[in-house]
C-alpha atoms as a PDB file:
ATOM      1  CA  MET A   1      40.423  27.136  15.256  1.00  0.00           C
ATOM      2  CA  ARG A   2      42.287  30.305  10.381  1.00  0.00           C
ATOM      3  CA  SER A   3      43.450  33.112  10.446  1.00  0.00           C
ATOM      4  CA  ARG A   4      44.550  32.725  13.776  1.00  0.00           C
ATOM      5  CA  LYS A   5      43.632  29.635  15.337  1.00  0.00           C
ATOM      6  CA  ILE A   6      46.187  26.447  13.260  1.00  0.00           C
ATOM      7  CA  ILE A   7      44.296  24.126  10.795  1.00  0.00           C
ATOM      8  CA  LEU A   8      44.972  20.597  11.830  1.00  0.00           C
ATOM      9  CA  SER A   9      45.274  17.799   9.600  1.00  0.00           C
ATOM     10  CA  ALA A  10      42.259  15.596   8.711  1.00  0.00           C
ATOM     11  CA  LEU A  11      41.958  12.653   7.363  1.00  0.00           C
ATOM     12  CA  VAL A  12      41.035  13.287   3.620  1.00  0.00           C
ATOM     13  CA  LEU A  13      38.737  10.338   1.547  1.00  0.00           C
ATOM     14  CA  THR A  14      36.889  12.064  -0.477  1.00  0.00           C
ATOM     15  CA  SER A  15      37.906   9.941  -3.763  1.00  0.00           C
ATOM     16  CA  LEU A  16      35.093   7.280  -1.942  1.00  0.00           C
ATOM     17  CA  PHE A  17      32.263   9.622  -2.928  1.00  0.00           C
ATOM     18  CA  LEU A  18      32.404  12.750  -5.570  1.00  0.00           C
ATOM     19  CA  PRO A  19      34.483  14.261  -7.458  1.00  0.00           C
ATOM     20  CA  CYS A  20      35.648  17.651  -6.221  1.00  0.00           C
ATOM     21  CA  GLY A  21      32.980  20.526  -6.589  1.00  0.00           C
ATOM     22  CA  CYS A  22      29.454  18.025  -6.489  1.00  0.00           C
ATOM     23  CA  SER A  23      26.713  18.539  -4.078  1.00  0.00           C
ATOM     24  CA  LEU A  24      25.826  15.630  -1.580  1.00  0.00           C
ATOM     25  CA  PRO A  25      21.924  14.836  -0.684  1.00  0.00           C
ATOM     26  CA  ARG A  26      20.981  14.568   2.585  1.00  0.00           C
ATOM     27  CA  ILE A  27      20.169  10.950   3.276  1.00  0.00           C
ATOM     28  CA  ILE A  28      18.639  10.155   6.789  1.00  0.00           C
ATOM     29  CA  ILE A  29      19.873   5.881   7.077  1.00  0.00           C
ATOM     30  CA  LEU A  30      18.406   4.702  10.132  1.00  0.00           C
ATOM     31  CA  ASN A  31      20.966   1.556   9.961  1.00  0.00           C
ATOM     32  CA  ASP A  32      24.016   3.568   9.180  1.00  0.00           C
ATOM     33  CA  PRO A  33      26.440   0.838   6.776  1.00  0.00           C
ATOM     34  CA  LEU A  34      29.302   3.850   6.845  1.00  0.00           C
ATOM     35  CA  SER A  35      32.560   3.135   8.606  1.00  0.00           C
ATOM     36  CA  ALA A  36      34.262   6.045  10.995  1.00  0.00           C
ATOM     37  CA  GLU A  37      36.354   6.986   8.122  1.00  0.00           C
ATOM     38  CA  GLU A  38      33.440   7.618   5.386  1.00  0.00           C
ATOM     39  CA  HIS A  39      31.124   9.627   7.492  1.00  0.00           C
ATOM     40  CA  HIS A  40      34.911  11.525   8.234  1.00  0.00           C
ATOM     41  CA  ALA A  41      35.280  12.120   4.677  1.00  0.00           C
ATOM     42  CA  LEU A  42      31.609  13.417   3.997  1.00  0.00           C
ATOM     43  CA  CYS A  43      32.431  15.476   6.374  1.00  0.00           C
ATOM     44  CA  THR A  44      35.329  17.107   4.649  1.00  0.00           C
ATOM     45  CA  ILE A  45      33.652  16.917   1.208  1.00  0.00           C
ATOM     46  CA  TYR A  46      30.773  19.137   2.958  1.00  0.00           C
ATOM     47  CA  GLU A  47      33.212  21.692   5.089  1.00  0.00           C
ATOM     48  CA  SER A  48      34.856  22.193   1.398  1.00  0.00           C
ATOM     49  CA  GLN A  49      31.489  23.722  -0.183  1.00  0.00           C
ATOM     50  CA  HIS A  50      30.725  25.478   3.487  1.00  0.00           C
ATOM     51  CA  LYS A  51      28.274  23.589   4.654  1.00  0.00           C
ATOM     52  CA  TYR A  52      29.582  23.459   8.330  1.00  0.00           C
ATOM     53  CA  ASP A  53      25.735  22.095   9.882  1.00  0.00           C
ATOM     54  CA  LEU A  54      26.033  19.116   7.293  1.00  0.00           C
ATOM     55  CA  ALA A  55      29.506  18.423   7.950  1.00  0.00           C
ATOM     56  CA  ARG A  56      29.211  18.940  11.249  1.00  0.00           C
ATOM     57  CA  GLU A  57      26.302  16.094  11.477  1.00  0.00           C
ATOM     58  CA  GLN A  58      28.927  13.754   9.741  1.00  0.00           C
ATOM     59  CA  CYS A  59      31.248  14.430  12.207  1.00  0.00           C
ATOM     60  CA  ARG A  60      28.980  13.262  15.058  1.00  0.00           C
ATOM     61  CA  ALA A  61      28.403  10.198  12.846  1.00  0.00           C
ATOM     62  CA  ALA A  62      31.895   9.367  12.626  1.00  0.00           C
ATOM     63  CA  LEU A  63      32.479   9.666  16.222  1.00  0.00           C
ATOM     64  CA  ARG A  64      29.308   7.332  17.171  1.00  0.00           C
ATOM     65  CA  LYS A  65      31.074   4.633  15.140  1.00  0.00           C
ATOM     66  CA  ASN A  66      34.374   5.453  16.405  1.00  0.00           C
ATOM     67  CA  PRO A  67      34.782   7.834  19.281  1.00  0.00           C
ATOM     68  CA  LYS A  68      38.325   7.850  19.381  1.00  0.00           C
ATOM     69  CA  PHE A  69      38.465   8.818  16.080  1.00  0.00           C
ATOM     70  CA  THR A  70      40.865  11.539  16.420  1.00  0.00           C
ATOM     71  CA  PRO A  71      40.533  13.085  12.611  1.00  0.00           C
ATOM     72  CA  SER A  72      36.705  13.699  13.238  1.00  0.00           C
ATOM     73  CA  LEU A  73      36.907  15.256  16.791  1.00  0.00           C
ATOM     74  CA  LEU A  74      39.761  17.554  15.402  1.00  0.00           C
ATOM     75  CA  LEU A  75      37.444  18.346  12.999  1.00  0.00           C
ATOM     76  CA  LEU A  76      34.517  18.914  14.966  1.00  0.00           C
ATOM     77  CA  GLY A  77      36.092  21.373  17.043  1.00  0.00           C
ATOM     78  CA  GLU A  78      37.245  23.580  13.986  1.00  0.00           C
ATOM     79  CA  LEU A  79      33.863  23.509  12.545  1.00  0.00           C
ATOM     80  CA  SER A  80      31.728  24.167  15.904  1.00  0.00           C
ATOM     81  CA  TYR A  81      34.537  27.181  16.252  1.00  0.00           C
ATOM     82  CA  ARG A  82      33.760  28.819  13.015  1.00  0.00           C
ATOM     83  CA  LEU A  83      29.820  28.097  13.994  1.00  0.00           C
ATOM     84  CA  LYS A  84      30.641  30.163  17.511  1.00  0.00           C
ATOM     85  CA  ASP A  85      29.156  26.343  19.346  1.00  0.00           C
ATOM     86  CA  TYR A  86      32.177  26.924  21.712  1.00  0.00           C
ATOM     87  CA  SER A  87      30.729  24.378  24.277  1.00  0.00           C
ATOM     88  CA  GLU A  88      31.186  21.971  21.563  1.00  0.00           C
ATOM     89  CA  ALA A  89      34.371  22.829  20.220  1.00  0.00           C
ATOM     90  CA  GLU A  90      36.153  23.072  23.828  1.00  0.00           C
ATOM     91  CA  ALA A  91      34.508  19.176  24.109  1.00  0.00           C
ATOM     92  CA  ALA A  92      35.844  18.001  20.961  1.00  0.00           C
ATOM     93  CA  TYR A  93      39.639  19.267  21.575  1.00  0.00           C
ATOM     94  CA  ASP A  94      39.063  18.247  25.238  1.00  0.00           C
ATOM     95  CA  ARG A  95      38.481  14.655  23.980  1.00  0.00           C
ATOM     96  CA  ALA A  96      41.407  15.096  21.410  1.00  0.00           C
ATOM     97  CA  LEU A  97      43.624  16.111  24.075  1.00  0.00           C
ATOM     98  CA  GLU A  98      43.056  12.563  26.344  1.00  0.00           C
ATOM     99  CA  LEU A  99      43.918  10.823  22.616  1.00  0.00           C
ATOM    100  CA  GLN A 100      46.972  13.028  21.776  1.00  0.00           C
ATOM    101  CA  PRO A 101      48.157  14.959  25.127  1.00  0.00           C
ATOM    102  CA  GLU A 102      51.572  16.199  23.299  1.00  0.00           C
ATOM    103  CA  ASN A 103      49.823  17.997  20.181  1.00  0.00           C
ATOM    104  CA  GLY A 104      50.692  21.657  20.410  1.00  0.00           C
ATOM    105  CA  ASP A 105      48.310  22.830  18.364  1.00  0.00           C
ATOM    106  CA  ILE A 106      45.207  20.667  20.263  1.00  0.00           C
ATOM    107  CA  TYR A 107      46.000  23.044  23.222  1.00  0.00           C
ATOM    108  CA  ASN A 108      46.451  25.850  20.861  1.00  0.00           C
ATOM    109  CA  ASN A 109      43.077  25.443  19.435  1.00  0.00           C
ATOM    110  CA  LEU A 110      40.989  25.403  22.539  1.00  0.00           C
ATOM    111  CA  CYS A 111      42.850  28.488  23.869  1.00  0.00           C
ATOM    112  CA  TRP A 112      41.365  30.201  21.334  1.00  0.00           C
ATOM    113  CA  VAL A 113      37.915  28.890  21.923  1.00  0.00           C
ATOM    114  CA  TYR A 114      38.756  30.100  25.859  1.00  0.00           C
ATOM    115  CA  ILE A 115      39.436  33.744  24.162  1.00  0.00           C
ATOM    116  CA  GLU A 116      35.776  33.747  22.627  1.00  0.00           C
ATOM    117  CA  ARG A 117      33.997  32.437  25.319  1.00  0.00           C
ATOM    118  CA  LYS A 118      35.748  35.241  27.473  1.00  0.00           C
ATOM    119  CA  THR A 119      36.001  32.379  30.240  1.00  0.00           C
ATOM    120  CA  GLY A 120      39.204  30.444  31.348  1.00  0.00           C
ATOM    121  CA  LEU A 121      41.944  32.683  30.222  1.00  0.00           C
ATOM    122  CA  ARG A 122      44.251  31.806  33.267  1.00  0.00           C
ATOM    123  CA  LYS A 123      44.304  28.060  32.336  1.00  0.00           C
ATOM    124  CA  ALA A 124      44.258  29.254  29.116  1.00  0.00           C
ATOM    125  CA  GLU A 125      47.704  31.246  29.632  1.00  0.00           C
ATOM    126  CA  VAL A 126      48.951  27.871  30.909  1.00  0.00           C
ATOM    127  CA  LEU A 127      47.955  25.697  28.078  1.00  0.00           C
ATOM    128  CA  ILE A 128      49.723  27.771  25.770  1.00  0.00           C
ATOM    129  CA  ARG A 129      52.679  28.026  27.358  1.00  0.00           C
ATOM    130  CA  LYS A 130      52.691  23.976  27.918  1.00  0.00           C
ATOM    131  CA  ALA A 131      51.825  24.427  23.819  1.00  0.00           C
ATOM    132  CA  ILE A 132      55.475  26.083  23.455  1.00  0.00           C
ATOM    133  CA  THR A 133      56.782  23.473  25.287  1.00  0.00           C
ATOM    134  CA  LEU A 134      55.475  20.761  23.550  1.00  0.00           C
ATOM    135  CA  ASN A 135      56.055  21.905  19.654  1.00  0.00           C
ATOM    136  CA  PRO A 136      59.093  24.668  19.877  1.00  0.00           C
ATOM    137  CA  ALA A 137      58.832  24.833  15.765  1.00  0.00           C
ATOM    138  CA  HIS A 138      55.092  26.593  16.094  1.00  0.00           C
ATOM    139  CA  LYS A 139      55.786  28.964  19.263  1.00  0.00           C
ATOM    140  CA  PRO A 140      55.705  32.055  16.879  1.00  0.00           C
ATOM    141  CA  ASN A 141      51.980  30.775  16.349  1.00  0.00           C
ATOM    142  CA  TYR A 142      51.559  30.147  19.945  1.00  0.00           C
ATOM    143  CA  LEU A 143      53.104  33.497  20.854  1.00  0.00           C
ATOM    144  CA  ASP A 144      50.791  35.333  18.963  1.00  0.00           C
ATOM    145  CA  THR A 145      47.815  33.251  21.195  1.00  0.00           C
ATOM    146  CA  LEU A 146      49.549  33.881  23.627  1.00  0.00           C
ATOM    147  CA  GLY A 147      49.870  37.463  23.762  1.00  0.00           C
ATOM    148  CA  VAL A 148      46.217  37.947  23.145  1.00  0.00           C
ATOM    149  CA  VAL A 149      45.394  36.211  26.055  1.00  0.00           C
ATOM    150  CA  LEU A 150      48.149  37.929  28.509  1.00  0.00           C
ATOM    151  CA  LEU A 151      45.914  41.273  26.522  1.00  0.00           C
ATOM    152  CA  ARG A 152      42.697  39.453  27.677  1.00  0.00           C
ATOM    153  CA  LEU A 153      44.064  39.180  31.123  1.00  0.00           C
ATOM    154  CA  GLY A 154      45.181  42.514  31.517  1.00  0.00           C
ATOM    155  CA  LYS A 155      49.103  42.050  31.402  1.00  0.00           C
ATOM    156  CA  THR A 156      49.152  44.696  28.641  1.00  0.00           C
ATOM    157  CA  GLY A 157      53.544  44.466  28.867  1.00  0.00           C
ATOM    158  CA  GLU A 158      53.671  40.934  29.189  1.00  0.00           C
ATOM    159  CA  SER A 159      51.538  41.048  26.027  1.00  0.00           C
ATOM    160  CA  ILE A 160      53.622  43.643  23.828  1.00  0.00           C
ATOM    161  CA  ALA A 161      56.909  41.058  24.212  1.00  0.00           C
ATOM    162  CA  ALA A 162      54.784  38.105  23.112  1.00  0.00           C
ATOM    163  CA  LEU A 163      53.357  39.918  20.355  1.00  0.00           C
ATOM    164  CA  SER A 164      56.584  41.799  19.179  1.00  0.00           C
ATOM    165  CA  GLU A 165      58.129  38.521  19.284  1.00  0.00           C
ATOM    166  CA  SER A 166      55.710  36.599  17.451  1.00  0.00           C
ATOM    167  CA  VAL A 167      55.816  39.009  14.480  1.00  0.00           C
ATOM    168  CA  ASP A 168      59.231  39.364  14.574  1.00  0.00           C
ATOM    169  CA  THR A 169      59.334  35.024  14.126  1.00  0.00           C
ATOM    170  CA  LEU A 170      56.325  34.236  12.092  1.00  0.00           C
ATOM    171  CA  PRO A 171      57.286  32.441   8.737  1.00  0.00           C
ATOM    172  CA  GLY A 172      57.168  35.497   5.817  1.00  0.00           C
ATOM    173  CA  GLU A 173      54.946  33.428   3.610  1.00  0.00           C
ATOM    174  CA  GLY A 174      52.218  32.822   5.990  1.00  0.00           C
ATOM    175  CA  LEU A 175      50.721  36.851   5.655  1.00  0.00           C
ATOM    176  CA  GLU A 176      47.699  36.361   7.111  1.00  0.00           C
ATOM    177  CA  PHE A 177      48.797  35.101  10.144  1.00  0.00           C
ATOM    178  CA  LEU A 178      51.563  37.861  10.075  1.00  0.00           C
ATOM    179  CA  ALA A 179      48.523  40.447   9.406  1.00  0.00           C
ATOM    180  CA  GLU A 180      46.441  38.885  12.278  1.00  0.00           C
ATOM    181  CA  ALA A 181      49.286  39.151  14.630  1.00  0.00           C
ATOM    182  CA  TYR A 182      50.226  42.847  13.668  1.00  0.00           C
ATOM    183  CA  GLY A 183      46.301  43.750  14.707  1.00  0.00           C
ATOM    184  CA  HIS A 184      46.555  42.175  17.489  1.00  0.00           C
ATOM    185  CA  LEU A 185      50.151  43.939  18.322  1.00  0.00           C
ATOM    186  CA  ALA A 186      48.056  47.491  17.445  1.00  0.00           C
ATOM    187  CA  GLU A 187      45.512  46.540  19.847  1.00  0.00           C
ATOM    188  CA  ALA A 188      47.943  45.917  22.512  1.00  0.00           C
ATOM    189  CA  TYR A 189      49.839  49.150  22.128  1.00  0.00           C
ATOM    190  CA  LYS A 190      46.252  50.939  22.247  1.00  0.00           C
ATOM    191  CA  GLU A 191      45.611  48.914  25.736  1.00  0.00           C
ATOM    192  CA  MET A 192      48.858  50.526  26.609  1.00  0.00           C
ATOM    193  CA  GLY A 193      47.692  53.935  25.485  1.00  0.00           C
ATOM    194  CA  ASN A 194      50.864  54.435  22.607  1.00  0.00           C
ATOM    195  CA  GLU A 195      49.142  55.434  19.637  1.00  0.00           C
ATOM    196  CA  GLU A 196      52.149  55.886  17.879  1.00  0.00           C
ATOM    197  CA  LYS A 197      53.477  52.397  18.256  1.00  0.00           C
ATOM    198  CA  ALA A 198      49.546  51.205  17.814  1.00  0.00           C
ATOM    199  CA  ARG A 199      49.275  53.033  14.503  1.00  0.00           C
ATOM    200  CA  GLU A 200      53.234  51.679  13.133  1.00  0.00           C
ATOM    201  CA  ALA A 201      51.838  48.185  13.937  1.00  0.00           C
ATOM    202  CA  GLU A 202      48.024  48.796  12.115  1.00  0.00           C
ATOM    203  CA  GLU A 203      49.981  49.911   8.957  1.00  0.00           C
ATOM    204  CA  SER A 204      52.021  46.700   8.742  1.00  0.00           C
ATOM    205  CA  LYS A 205      48.944  45.008   9.423  1.00  0.00           C
ATOM    206  CA  ASN A 206      47.202  46.451   5.865  1.00  0.00           C
ATOM    207  CA  ASN A 207      50.370  46.358   3.856  1.00  0.00           C
ATOM    208  CA  LEU A 208      50.348  42.396   4.455  1.00  0.00           C
ATOM    209  CA  LEU A 209      46.778  42.333   3.392  1.00  0.00           C
ATOM    210  CA  SER A 210      47.417  44.705   0.578  1.00  0.00           C
ATOM    211  CA  GLY A 211      50.081  41.723  -0.369  1.00  0.00           C
ATOM    212  CA  VAL A 212      47.499  38.925   0.141  1.00  0.00           C
ATOM    213  CA  SER A 213      45.237  40.456  -2.079  1.00  0.00           C
ATOM    214  CA  MET A 214      47.471  41.446  -4.803  1.00  0.00           C
ATOM    215  CA  ARG A 215      48.241  37.297  -4.414  1.00  0.00           C
ATOM    216  CA  ARG A 216      44.792  36.428  -5.097  1.00  0.00           C
END
């Protein structure tokens, strides 16, 4: 769900298992003695090691133990999105919303699933507008998502308005988010045929990315 997606907080219990950076063996256990929390801890370890397939297996194991364990649902949605398994990502976020219907960030991440699938965009517009109402503090991020949804729906003028407000209000410390929003704004201006504005937005994006590189 990153980048354009908001990373939702997850329960981290890695101290139960290994120090940071250690690899984990792949073990098949027929009678699973681990709790949902312990499986989730393994999931976060694998995720930190970029072993996303193994991380998903542990998220699924956690949910077999406790289908309502929200941290694993959220992380499963994020991992599935990264792996382009949009069906599982959508299912995970839908289940998470049943448990946390007031969580605007889940609506936001689900919208990005619809954007990538290029389906359900009208529903995505409804969902992201609801997210803005539910969590006004994250409105600048949600406006970026709304702008992309509107652009995909062919509402270019509305898209530019949303994206312009997003880049004007996103926190200055979130340079990567801001750069991505400028990239979306450049795309919207190109779609409208305004090459000068598109070039300006693209330059802003590149300048921000240069700043990110210098910080690293």
